[in-house]
Protein backbone atom coordinates (compact mmCIF):
# COMPACT_ATOMS: atom_id res chain seq x y z
CA ASN A 1 98.62 56.23 83.66
CA LYS A 2 98.60 52.58 84.49
CA GLY A 3 100.92 52.84 87.43
CA GLY A 4 98.39 54.75 89.39
CA GLU A 5 100.67 57.62 90.02
CA SER A 6 99.50 61.24 89.61
CA ALA A 7 100.36 63.06 86.41
CA PHE A 8 100.88 66.21 88.44
CA SER A 9 103.69 66.94 90.66
CA ARG A 10 102.99 67.63 94.30
CA ILE A 11 103.64 70.92 95.56
CA GLU A 12 104.14 71.69 99.23
CA LEU A 13 104.24 75.19 100.77
CA GLY A 14 106.71 75.41 103.54
CA ASP A 15 107.02 78.07 106.30
CA VAL A 16 109.79 80.61 106.01
CA THR A 17 111.85 80.04 109.01
CA PRO A 18 115.18 81.27 110.52
CA HIS A 19 116.41 77.95 109.14
CA ASN A 20 115.59 78.48 105.50
CA ILE A 21 115.78 82.23 105.25
CA LYS A 22 119.09 82.36 103.75
CA GLN A 23 117.86 79.85 101.09
CA LEU A 24 115.23 82.33 100.18
CA LYS A 25 117.68 85.02 100.10
CA ARG A 26 119.89 83.06 97.60
CA LEU A 27 116.86 82.04 95.39
CA ASN A 28 115.95 85.80 95.16
CA GLN A 29 119.48 86.96 94.41
CA VAL A 30 119.57 84.39 91.47
CA ILE A 31 115.87 84.99 90.18
CA PHE A 32 115.37 88.83 90.54
CA PRO A 33 117.35 91.74 89.36
CA VAL A 34 116.47 93.60 92.66
CA SER A 35 118.46 92.95 95.77
CA TYR A 36 116.29 93.02 99.01
CA ASN A 37 117.76 94.37 102.23
CA ASP A 38 117.98 92.59 105.64
CA LYS A 39 114.85 94.42 106.82
CA PHE A 40 112.78 92.71 104.02
CA TYR A 41 113.84 89.29 105.20
CA LYS A 42 113.26 90.18 108.86
CA ASP A 43 109.61 91.26 107.82
CA VAL A 44 109.13 88.08 105.82
CA LEU A 45 109.78 85.98 109.08
CA GLU A 46 107.31 88.24 110.99
CA VAL A 47 104.23 87.91 108.47
CA GLY A 48 103.87 84.17 109.30
CA GLU A 49 101.37 82.44 106.98
CA LEU A 50 101.57 85.18 104.31
CA ALA A 51 105.06 84.24 103.44
CA LYS A 52 105.45 80.75 101.97
CA LEU A 53 107.98 79.21 99.68
CA GLY A 54 106.44 77.80 96.36
CA THR A 55 104.90 78.47 93.00
CA LYS A 56 101.48 78.61 94.49
CA MET A 57 102.39 81.37 96.77
CA LEU A 58 100.07 84.12 95.27
CA ASN A 59 96.94 81.79 95.36
CA HIS A 60 97.96 80.94 98.92
CA VAL A 61 98.06 84.70 99.93
CA LEU A 62 94.88 85.51 98.17
CA ASN A 63 93.13 82.67 99.89
CA ILE A 64 94.31 83.72 103.27
CA CYS A 65 93.24 87.25 102.71
CA GLU A 66 89.75 86.32 101.54
CA LYS A 67 89.07 83.93 104.43
CA ASP A 68 90.48 86.49 107.04
CA GLY A 69 87.85 88.97 105.77
CA THR A 70 89.79 92.11 107.14
CA PHE A 71 91.92 92.95 104.18
CA ASP A 72 90.43 95.45 101.75
CA ASN A 73 93.19 95.43 98.87
CA ILE A 74 96.54 93.77 98.18
CA TYR A 75 99.26 96.03 96.59
CA LEU A 76 102.52 95.20 94.77
CA HIS A 77 105.29 96.73 92.66
CA VAL A 78 106.22 95.58 89.13
CA GLN A 79 108.96 97.10 86.87
CA ILE A 80 107.25 98.90 84.19
CA ASN A 81 108.90 96.78 81.34
CA ASN A 82 108.01 93.31 82.89
CA GLU A 83 105.22 92.65 80.69
CA SER A 84 105.02 88.88 81.51
CA ALA A 85 104.64 89.65 85.34
CA ILE A 86 102.02 92.38 84.56
CA ASP A 87 99.90 89.95 82.47
CA PHE A 88 100.42 87.35 85.24
CA TYR A 89 99.01 89.61 87.97
CA GLN A 90 96.18 91.00 85.73
CA ARG A 91 95.05 87.37 85.28
CA PHE A 92 94.39 87.45 89.08
CA GLY A 93 92.49 90.56 88.89
CA PHE A 94 95.22 93.16 89.73
CA GLN A 95 95.02 96.47 88.10
CA ILE A 96 97.68 99.17 87.55
CA ILE A 97 96.69 102.17 89.56
CA GLU A 98 99.89 104.29 89.36
CA THR A 99 103.44 104.47 88.39
CA LYS A 100 106.19 105.37 90.71
CA LYS A 101 109.33 107.21 89.31
CA ASN A 102 112.86 105.98 90.29
CA TYR A 103 111.35 103.18 92.52
CA TYR A 104 114.34 100.76 91.73
CA LYS A 105 117.84 101.76 92.74
CA ARG A 106 120.10 99.52 90.75
CA ILE A 107 117.99 98.49 87.60
CA GLU A 108 116.82 100.13 84.45
CA PRO A 109 114.15 101.16 83.96
CA ALA A 110 113.78 102.34 87.51
CA ASP A 111 110.17 102.84 87.33
CA ALA A 112 107.67 100.75 88.89
CA HIS A 113 103.79 100.10 88.32
CA VAL A 114 101.81 99.80 91.45
CA LEU A 115 99.14 97.15 91.06
CA GLN A 116 96.14 96.77 93.21
CA LYS A 117 93.50 93.94 93.69
CA SER A 118 90.37 94.88 95.58
CA LEU A 119 89.08 92.11 97.94
CA ARG A 120 85.84 93.89 98.68
CA SER A 121 83.33 95.01 96.17
CA PRO A 122 82.20 98.47 96.96
CA CYS A 123 78.37 97.96 97.00
CA ALA A 124 78.07 94.41 98.23
CA ALA A 125 76.24 93.93 101.51
CA PRO A 126 78.16 91.79 103.97
CA SER A 127 77.28 88.07 103.98
CA GLY A 128 74.30 88.64 101.60
CA GLU A 129 72.26 90.70 104.15
CA LEU A 130 70.64 93.88 103.30
CA GLN A 131 72.55 96.94 104.62
CA LYS A 132 70.79 98.75 107.31
CA THR A 133 70.44 102.56 107.05
CA GLU A 134 70.73 104.49 110.25
């Protein structure tokens, strides 16, 4: 690239604010077959850094949780026939741990897989130190 321009487009993650929450709501209505209620959007505003607009959202959330160090697991729901989403999350280390019947109210199939990613390995000692036994 002779012009010196990056071949990659720049992605910036913006905060979800009261000023752009309606834009997020509209995007969700267009993209997803599920409609989220007002409480969902109220919660989005309250979680701060964990809610960002942008395609790098999942990596952003995983990085925050790992740096914070107080999160044990991350959970999410995926419609059982949404194979591309399931594959996407499995590439990030999520595993299906259960299936909830009739999770969705207005779409078929109504069942959802619950996916979990563990952020702690069960036997690892903290920060490489040997665990003390009492």
